[in-house]
N, C-alpha and C. Protein backbone atom coordinates (compact mmCIF):
# COMPACT_ATOMS: atom_id res chain seq x y z
N UNK A 1 -11.43 16.91 12.92
CA UNK A 1 -9.72 16.29 13.02
C UNK A 1 -9.20 16.39 11.58
N UNK A 2 -9.86 15.34 10.38
CA UNK A 2 -9.08 15.59 9.19
C UNK A 2 -9.04 17.08 8.65
N UNK A 3 -9.80 17.62 8.77
CA UNK A 3 -10.31 19.02 8.24
C UNK A 3 -9.03 19.91 9.14
N UNK A 4 -9.06 20.04 9.96
CA UNK A 4 -7.82 20.64 10.44
C UNK A 4 -6.80 19.99 9.89
N UNK A 5 -6.23 18.73 9.93
CA UNK A 5 -4.87 17.76 9.23
C UNK A 5 -5.01 18.56 8.35
N UNK A 6 -6.01 18.69 6.92
CA UNK A 6 -5.56 18.78 6.03
C UNK A 6 -5.22 20.34 6.01
N UNK A 7 -5.44 21.41 6.71
CA UNK A 7 -5.40 22.43 6.42
C UNK A 7 -4.22 23.26 6.86
N UNK A 8 -3.64 22.33 8.56
CA UNK A 8 -2.37 22.45 8.57
C UNK A 8 -1.44 21.57 7.72
N UNK A 9 -1.88 21.11 6.82
CA UNK A 9 -0.39 20.31 5.36
C UNK A 9 -0.64 21.32 4.83
N UNK A 10 -1.97 21.15 3.96
CA UNK A 10 -2.02 22.62 3.37
C UNK A 10 -1.02 24.29 3.43
N UNK A 11 -1.28 24.15 4.78
CA UNK A 11 -0.41 25.34 4.78
C UNK A 11 0.90 25.33 4.92
N UNK A 12 1.73 24.10 5.31
CA UNK A 12 3.14 22.84 4.93
C UNK A 12 3.48 23.61 4.01
N UNK A 13 2.84 22.79 3.44
CA UNK A 13 2.82 23.18 1.92
C UNK A 13 3.31 24.09 0.89
N UNK A 14 2.66 25.27 1.48
CA UNK A 14 3.42 26.09 0.46
C UNK A 14 3.35 27.16 1.08
N UNK A 15 3.79 27.24 2.80
CA UNK A 15 4.28 28.42 3.50
C UNK A 15 5.68 28.06 4.27
N UNK A 16 5.73 26.88 4.52
CA UNK A 16 6.83 26.64 5.32
C UNK A 16 7.73 25.44 4.30
N UNK A 17 7.31 24.79 3.39
CA UNK A 17 7.90 24.39 2.56
C UNK A 17 8.78 24.65 1.52
N UNK A 18 8.44 25.55 0.75
CA UNK A 18 9.34 26.63 -0.18
C UNK A 18 10.74 27.53 0.72
N UNK A 19 10.73 27.62 1.96
CA UNK A 19 11.26 28.22 2.30
C UNK A 19 12.48 27.07 3.40
N UNK A 20 12.02 25.98 3.22
CA UNK A 20 12.74 24.85 3.53
C UNK A 20 13.75 24.37 2.26
N UNK A 21 12.95 24.49 1.10
CA UNK A 21 13.56 23.94 0.06
C UNK A 21 14.73 25.12 -0.71
N UNK A 22 14.70 26.06 0.20
CA UNK A 22 15.60 27.45 -0.63
C UNK A 22 17.05 26.80 0.44
N UNK A 23 16.70 26.76 1.41
CA UNK A 23 17.94 25.99 2.11
C UNK A 23 18.91 25.08 1.46
N UNK A 24 18.79 24.54 0.75
CA UNK A 24 19.36 23.37 0.33
C UNK A 24 18.91 21.98 0.56
N UNK A 25 19.41 20.46 0.71
CA UNK A 25 19.48 19.88 0.60
C UNK A 25 20.89 18.86 0.54
N UNK A 26 21.00 18.20 1.20
CA UNK A 26 22.12 17.06 1.32
C UNK A 26 21.95 16.07 0.92
N UNK A 27 22.52 14.78 0.67
CA UNK A 27 22.31 13.53 0.30
C UNK A 27 23.10 12.96 1.24
N UNK A 28 22.51 11.95 1.99
CA UNK A 28 23.07 11.40 2.76
C UNK A 28 22.94 9.35 2.49
N UNK A 29 23.95 9.10 2.75
CA UNK A 29 24.18 7.47 3.30
C UNK A 29 24.72 6.51 4.06
N UNK A 30 24.28 7.48 4.98
CA UNK A 30 24.68 6.76 6.57
C UNK A 30 23.68 5.61 6.61
N UNK A 31 24.27 4.64 7.32
CA UNK A 31 23.47 3.22 7.61
C UNK A 31 23.56 3.78 9.66
N UNK A 32 21.98 3.38 9.80
CA UNK A 32 22.18 3.51 11.01
C UNK A 32 21.14 2.41 12.26
N UNK A 33 21.77 2.40 13.28
CA UNK A 33 21.37 1.33 13.93
C UNK A 33 20.50 1.53 14.93
N UNK A 34 20.14 0.66 15.78
CA UNK A 34 19.09 1.64 16.76
C UNK A 34 20.08 2.11 18.32
N UNK A 35 19.71 3.26 18.53
CA UNK A 35 20.87 3.52 20.11
C UNK A 35 20.97 2.52 20.62
N UNK A 36 21.95 2.29 21.57
CA UNK A 36 21.95 1.04 22.62
C UNK A 36 22.06 -0.06 22.33
N UNK A 37 22.05 -0.31 20.65
CA UNK A 37 22.49 -1.70 20.11
C UNK A 37 24.19 -1.25 19.74
N UNK A 38 24.77 -2.40 19.41
CA UNK A 38 25.91 -1.77 18.75
C UNK A 38 26.01 -1.43 17.29
N UNK A 39 27.07 -0.90 16.89
CA UNK A 39 26.91 0.52 15.80
C UNK A 39 27.72 -0.84 14.82
N UNK A 40 28.25 -1.36 15.11
CA UNK A 40 29.19 -2.13 14.14
C UNK A 40 29.61 -1.22 12.38
N UNK A 41 28.72 -1.32 11.38
CA UNK A 41 29.13 -0.20 10.25
C UNK A 41 28.09 0.58 10.16
N UNK A 42 27.90 0.75 10.83
CA UNK A 42 26.80 1.82 10.80
C UNK A 42 27.32 3.14 11.20
N UNK A 43 26.96 4.21 11.19
CA UNK A 43 27.10 5.93 11.11
C UNK A 43 26.82 6.31 11.82
N UNK A 44 25.70 6.09 12.70
CA UNK A 44 24.52 6.47 13.23
C UNK A 44 23.28 5.88 14.04
N UNK A 45 22.86 6.12 14.59
CA UNK A 45 21.83 5.45 15.41
C UNK A 45 20.71 6.64 15.26
N UNK A 46 19.39 5.31 15.64
CA UNK A 46 17.94 6.03 16.29
C UNK A 46 17.79 6.11 17.48
N UNK A 47 17.47 7.22 18.25
CA UNK A 47 17.42 7.63 19.83
C UNK A 47 16.09 7.69 19.50
N UNK A 48 15.16 7.80 18.95
CA UNK A 48 13.49 7.49 19.02
C UNK A 48 12.87 8.09 18.18
N UNK A 49 11.64 8.08 17.99
CA UNK A 49 11.04 8.60 16.35
C UNK A 49 11.19 9.72 16.06
N UNK A 50 11.85 10.75 16.32
CA UNK A 50 11.80 11.81 15.28
C UNK A 50 13.95 12.09 16.11
N UNK A 51 14.94 11.77 16.56
CA UNK A 51 15.55 12.36 16.38
C UNK A 51 16.93 11.18 16.74
N UNK A 52 18.38 11.00 15.93
CA UNK A 52 19.11 9.93 15.37
C UNK A 52 20.13 11.13 15.81
N UNK A 53 21.59 10.40 15.93
CA UNK A 53 22.11 10.78 16.76
C UNK A 53 23.56 10.09 15.35
N UNK A 54 24.86 11.22 14.79
CA UNK A 54 25.28 10.61 14.00
C UNK A 54 26.98 10.78 14.03
N UNK A 55 28.07 9.94 14.06
CA UNK A 55 29.23 10.81 14.63
C UNK A 55 29.01 9.73 16.09
N UNK A 56 30.64 9.90 16.08
CA UNK A 56 30.75 10.11 18.21
C UNK A 56 31.60 10.73 18.79
N UNK A 57 32.08 10.55 20.25
CA UNK A 57 33.08 12.13 20.61
C UNK A 57 32.86 12.78 20.18
N UNK A 58 34.00 13.51 19.79
CA UNK A 58 33.98 15.29 19.84
C UNK A 58 32.81 15.47 18.11
N UNK A 59 33.07 14.51 17.46
CA UNK A 59 32.05 14.45 16.04
C UNK A 59 30.53 13.93 16.32
N UNK A 60 30.43 13.46 17.51
CA UNK A 60 28.68 13.24 17.92
C UNK A 60 28.29 14.53 17.52
N UNK A 61 26.65 14.12 16.70
CA UNK A 61 26.03 15.18 15.95
C UNK A 61 24.69 14.71 16.35
N UNK A 62 23.83 15.58 17.31
CA UNK A 62 22.08 15.01 17.34
C UNK A 62 21.08 15.59 16.17
N UNK A 63 20.68 15.35 15.46
CA UNK A 63 19.28 15.59 14.49
C UNK A 63 18.08 15.25 15.07
N UNK A 64 17.45 15.97 15.47
CA UNK A 64 15.98 16.24 15.50
C UNK A 64 15.31 16.36 14.00
N UNK A 65 14.71 15.34 13.98
CA UNK A 65 14.00 15.83 12.43
C UNK A 65 12.43 16.70 12.63
N UNK A 66 12.53 17.72 11.70
CA UNK A 66 11.13 18.49 12.10
C UNK A 66 10.10 17.99 10.73
N UNK A 67 9.33 18.37 10.97
CA UNK A 67 8.23 18.47 10.74
C UNK A 67 6.84 17.04 11.36
N UNK A 68 7.22 17.13 12.21
CA UNK A 68 6.44 16.13 13.53
C UNK A 68 7.31 15.68 14.92
N UNK A 69 5.96 15.53 15.31
CA UNK A 69 6.62 15.12 16.82
C UNK A 69 6.25 13.38 16.75
N UNK A 70 7.02 12.93 17.89
CA UNK A 70 6.90 11.13 17.45
C UNK A 70 6.67 11.85 19.51
N UNK A 71 5.95 10.14 19.86
CA UNK A 71 5.26 9.76 21.23
C UNK A 71 6.75 10.02 21.83
N UNK A 72 7.03 9.78 23.02
CA UNK A 72 8.38 9.42 24.11
C UNK A 72 8.46 8.12 24.59
N UNK A 73 9.67 8.16 24.48
CA UNK A 73 9.95 6.78 25.00
C UNK A 73 9.88 6.98 26.51
N UNK A 74 9.80 7.42 27.27
CA UNK A 74 9.58 8.22 28.61
C UNK A 74 8.20 8.62 28.87
N UNK A 75 7.41 8.07 28.19
CA UNK A 75 5.75 8.65 28.32
C UNK A 75 5.38 8.49 29.44
N UNK A 76 3.72 9.37 29.27
CA UNK A 76 3.28 9.19 30.84
C UNK A 76 2.35 7.88 30.58
N UNK A 77 2.46 7.64 29.81
CA UNK A 77 1.73 5.48 30.30
C UNK A 77 1.85 4.76 29.32
N UNK A 78 1.63 3.64 29.80
CA UNK A 78 1.94 2.40 28.74
C UNK A 78 1.92 2.69 26.91
N UNK A 79 0.33 3.09 26.91
CA UNK A 79 -0.27 3.33 25.26
C UNK A 79 1.23 4.27 24.80
N UNK A 80 1.45 5.44 25.28
CA UNK A 80 2.30 6.58 25.17
C UNK A 80 3.91 5.54 24.54
N UNK A 81 4.33 4.82 25.40
CA UNK A 81 5.62 4.36 25.46
C UNK A 81 6.16 2.65 24.09
N UNK A 82 4.40 2.22 23.78
CA UNK A 82 4.06 1.61 22.72
C UNK A 82 4.27 2.00 21.54
N UNK A 83 3.34 3.01 21.29
CA UNK A 83 3.49 4.09 21.24
C UNK A 83 4.55 4.90 19.94
N UNK A 84 5.56 4.89 21.11
CA UNK A 84 6.94 5.52 20.66
C UNK A 84 7.75 4.32 20.70
N UNK A 85 7.95 2.70 20.73
CA UNK A 85 8.46 2.21 20.42
C UNK A 85 8.63 2.02 18.75
N UNK A 86 7.09 2.35 18.22
CA UNK A 86 6.64 2.05 17.02
C UNK A 86 7.29 3.01 16.38
N UNK A 87 7.11 3.99 16.57
CA UNK A 87 7.85 5.23 16.01
C UNK A 87 9.08 5.14 15.68
N UNK A 88 10.17 4.58 16.29
CA UNK A 88 11.22 4.39 16.97
C UNK A 88 11.87 3.30 15.54
N UNK A 89 11.12 2.78 15.86
CA UNK A 89 11.08 1.50 14.68
C UNK A 89 10.99 1.83 13.35
N UNK A 90 9.27 2.58 13.34
CA UNK A 90 9.35 3.08 12.12
C UNK A 90 10.47 4.00 11.29
N UNK A 91 11.42 4.76 12.19
CA UNK A 91 12.20 5.66 11.50
C UNK A 91 13.07 5.00 10.82
N UNK A 92 13.81 4.06 12.21
CA UNK A 92 14.51 3.06 11.62
C UNK A 92 14.73 2.83 10.75
N UNK A 93 13.74 1.83 10.20
CA UNK A 93 13.41 1.23 8.72
C UNK A 93 12.45 2.20 7.56
N UNK A 94 12.30 3.38 7.69
CA UNK A 94 12.44 3.98 6.65
C UNK A 94 13.86 4.85 6.08
N UNK A 95 14.83 4.50 7.11
CA UNK A 95 16.09 5.28 7.07
C UNK A 95 17.22 4.25 6.46
N UNK A 96 16.68 2.92 6.81
CA UNK A 96 16.91 1.77 6.13
C UNK A 96 16.97 1.29 4.83
N UNK A 97 15.83 1.85 4.17
CA UNK A 97 15.25 1.84 2.79
C UNK A 97 16.84 2.41 1.86
N UNK A 98 17.80 3.49 2.02
CA UNK A 98 18.63 3.95 1.60
C UNK A 98 18.80 5.13 1.81
N UNK A 99 19.50 5.67 0.83
CA UNK A 99 19.89 7.31 0.82
C UNK A 99 18.73 8.46 1.19
N UNK A 100 18.91 9.45 1.72
CA UNK A 100 17.91 9.84 1.29
C UNK A 100 18.54 11.42 1.41
N UNK A 101 17.53 12.52 1.76
CA UNK A 101 18.08 13.84 1.70
C UNK A 101 18.01 14.50 2.90
N UNK A 102 18.23 15.46 3.12
CA UNK A 102 18.01 16.41 4.52
C UNK A 102 18.25 17.96 4.23
N UNK A 103 17.79 19.01 5.02
CA UNK A 103 17.55 19.80 4.71
C UNK A 103 18.63 20.88 5.08
N UNK A 104 19.33 22.39 5.05
CA UNK A 104 19.45 22.93 5.88
C UNK A 104 21.85 22.74 5.40
N UNK A 105 21.89 21.97 4.56
CA UNK A 105 23.06 21.46 3.94
C UNK A 105 24.39 22.29 5.68
N UNK A 106 25.03 22.59 4.93
CA UNK A 106 26.45 22.35 6.68
C UNK A 106 26.39 23.44 7.54
N UNK A 107 24.96 24.02 7.62
CA UNK A 107 24.78 24.90 8.63
C UNK A 107 23.42 25.11 8.80
N UNK A 108 22.22 24.17 9.54
CA UNK A 108 21.47 24.08 9.67
C UNK A 108 21.06 24.76 10.66
N UNK A 109 19.66 24.75 11.12
CA UNK A 109 19.34 25.80 12.61
C UNK A 109 19.08 24.23 13.48
N UNK A 110 19.08 25.47 14.46
CA UNK A 110 19.22 24.18 15.96
C UNK A 110 18.39 24.66 16.50
N UNK A 111 17.75 23.57 17.92
CA UNK A 111 16.46 24.18 18.76
C UNK A 111 17.35 23.90 20.08
N UNK A 112 16.45 24.57 20.88
CA UNK A 112 17.13 25.23 22.56
C UNK A 112 18.31 23.70 23.36
N UNK A 113 18.73 22.90 22.34
CA UNK A 113 18.89 21.88 23.02
C UNK A 113 20.53 21.66 22.16
N UNK A 114 20.72 22.66 21.36
CA UNK A 114 21.48 22.28 20.46
C UNK A 114 21.64 21.32 19.35
N UNK A 115 20.11 20.79 19.01
CA UNK A 115 19.87 19.58 17.93
C UNK A 115 20.33 20.10 16.85
N UNK A 116 20.87 19.83 15.75
CA UNK A 116 20.20 20.05 14.19
C UNK A 116 18.47 19.87 14.08
N UNK A 117 18.24 20.92 13.47
CA UNK A 117 17.02 20.52 12.81
C UNK A 117 17.04 20.45 11.13
N UNK A 118 16.54 19.92 11.00
CA UNK A 118 16.06 19.12 9.67
C UNK A 118 15.45 18.36 8.70
N UNK A 119 14.62 18.16 7.98
CA UNK A 119 13.71 18.09 7.26
C UNK A 119 14.44 16.68 6.53
N UNK A 120 13.53 15.25 6.35
CA UNK A 120 14.18 14.58 5.91
C UNK A 120 13.06 14.00 4.59
N UNK A 121 13.81 13.72 3.43
CA UNK A 121 12.76 13.36 2.54
C UNK A 121 13.66 12.05 1.17
N UNK A 122 12.79 11.46 0.51
CA UNK A 122 13.33 11.23 -0.27
C UNK A 122 13.30 11.02 -1.86
N UNK A 123 13.90 11.17 -2.45
CA UNK A 123 12.76 11.04 -4.17
C UNK A 123 11.95 9.76 -4.69
N UNK A 124 11.56 9.22 -5.34
CA UNK A 124 10.67 8.19 -5.16
C UNK A 124 10.11 8.27 -6.85
N UNK A 125 9.90 9.05 -7.33
CA UNK A 125 9.72 8.61 -9.00
C UNK A 125 9.21 10.47 -9.56
N UNK A 126 9.63 10.42 -10.65
CA UNK A 126 9.12 11.23 -11.50
C UNK A 126 9.20 12.51 -11.03
N UNK A 127 10.39 13.33 -10.58
CA UNK A 127 10.76 14.10 -9.33
C UNK A 127 9.55 14.68 -8.11
N UNK A 128 8.89 13.17 -7.95
CA UNK A 128 8.21 13.09 -6.40
C UNK A 128 8.90 12.95 -5.53
N UNK A 129 8.67 13.38 -4.30
CA UNK A 129 9.36 13.06 -3.01
C UNK A 129 8.68 12.52 -1.73
N UNK A 130 8.67 11.80 -1.14
CA UNK A 130 8.33 11.03 -0.24
C UNK A 130 8.80 12.24 1.25
N UNK A 131 8.57 12.54 2.04
CA UNK A 131 8.95 13.45 3.00
C UNK A 131 8.76 12.38 4.41
N UNK A 132 9.30 12.22 5.17
CA UNK A 132 9.72 11.79 6.15
C UNK A 132 8.24 11.93 7.31
N UNK A 133 8.10 13.50 7.60
CA UNK A 133 6.87 13.59 8.29
C UNK A 133 5.64 12.86 7.90
N UNK A 134 5.48 13.24 6.62
CA UNK A 134 4.09 13.02 6.06
C UNK A 134 3.99 10.99 5.97
N UNK A 135 5.08 10.54 6.08
CA UNK A 135 5.64 9.04 6.38
C UNK A 135 4.79 8.74 8.05
N UNK A 136 5.84 9.50 8.49
CA UNK A 136 5.70 9.13 10.25
C UNK A 136 3.95 9.59 10.64
N UNK A 137 3.19 10.12 9.77
CA UNK A 137 1.83 11.37 10.15
C UNK A 137 0.93 10.70 10.14
N UNK A 138 0.87 9.51 8.14
CA UNK A 138 -0.07 8.75 7.65
C UNK A 138 -0.11 7.38 8.30
N UNK A 139 0.59 7.69 9.13
CA UNK A 139 1.35 6.13 9.86
C UNK A 139 0.42 6.26 11.22
N UNK A 140 -0.36 7.35 11.64
CA UNK A 140 -0.20 7.85 12.95
C UNK A 140 0.99 7.21 13.96
N UNK A 141 2.00 7.15 13.80
CA UNK A 141 3.05 7.18 14.57
C UNK A 141 3.87 8.86 15.02
N UNK A 142 3.08 9.54 14.62
CA UNK A 142 3.28 11.02 15.35
C UNK A 142 2.14 11.83 15.27
N UNK A 143 2.72 13.04 15.85
CA UNK A 143 1.68 14.99 15.80
C UNK A 143 2.37 15.49 14.82
N UNK A 144 1.32 16.39 14.78
CA UNK A 144 1.54 17.47 13.64
C UNK A 144 2.51 18.17 14.95
N UNK A 145 3.88 19.06 14.42
CA UNK A 145 4.40 19.74 14.93
C UNK A 145 4.32 21.11 14.32
N UNK A 146 4.59 22.35 15.00
CA UNK A 146 4.45 23.52 14.27
C UNK A 146 3.46 24.07 14.94
N UNK A 147 3.42 25.82 14.48
CA UNK A 147 2.68 26.19 14.76
C UNK A 147 1.51 26.16 14.29
N UNK A 148 0.04 26.09 15.30
CA UNK A 148 -1.10 25.57 15.43
C UNK A 148 -1.14 24.15 15.86
N UNK A 149 -0.43 23.88 15.59
CA UNK A 149 -0.28 22.29 15.92
C UNK A 149 -0.90 21.84 17.55
N UNK A 150 -2.19 20.92 17.27
CA UNK A 150 -2.42 20.72 18.64
C UNK A 150 -2.00 19.67 19.66
N UNK A 151 -1.52 19.53 20.84
CA UNK A 151 -0.97 18.87 21.40
C UNK A 151 -1.08 17.36 21.48
N UNK A 152 -1.29 16.02 21.15
CA UNK A 152 -1.75 14.97 21.03
C UNK A 152 -1.43 14.33 22.47
N UNK A 153 -2.53 14.03 22.61
CA UNK A 153 -2.57 12.83 24.36
C UNK A 153 -2.26 11.45 23.57
N UNK A 154 -1.22 11.31 23.68
CA UNK A 154 -1.45 9.46 23.43
C UNK A 154 -1.30 8.44 24.17
N UNK A 155 -2.03 9.37 25.31
CA UNK A 155 -3.18 8.39 26.48
C UNK A 155 -3.74 7.90 25.90
N UNK A 156 -4.80 7.96 25.18
CA UNK A 156 -6.26 7.56 25.27
C UNK A 156 -6.45 6.96 24.35
């Protein structure tokens, strides 16, 4: 399994990442609350481990973070639900660290549900970036997504 993860990660790094970088990145300084709690001074909220909402009313936008799949809050078993809560909390904590950047500029691609699809990263030092997907994957809070990825059974 570690070899497969390395192969998929390498494929993403050399094939998918340059495509995303060509799309352009936007700096984002929103503050996020947990959805279902008062937003007070937040501009958005964290729905689950891979989805956020920004704005409200007619300006409300749902964003699906790409590069990983988080377990579902309405999961198939208690273990998946516990992991989904941890993933949601981890996403909220990562976003709370401060400004970040997301791909897609003003016209990102959308999925079949109309959600914007965006990759998220943050500059860390000397031109290096921390990608949210790698952060979530390295902590076993999510599974690989996309071509060649295998479905994770969170109930095991």
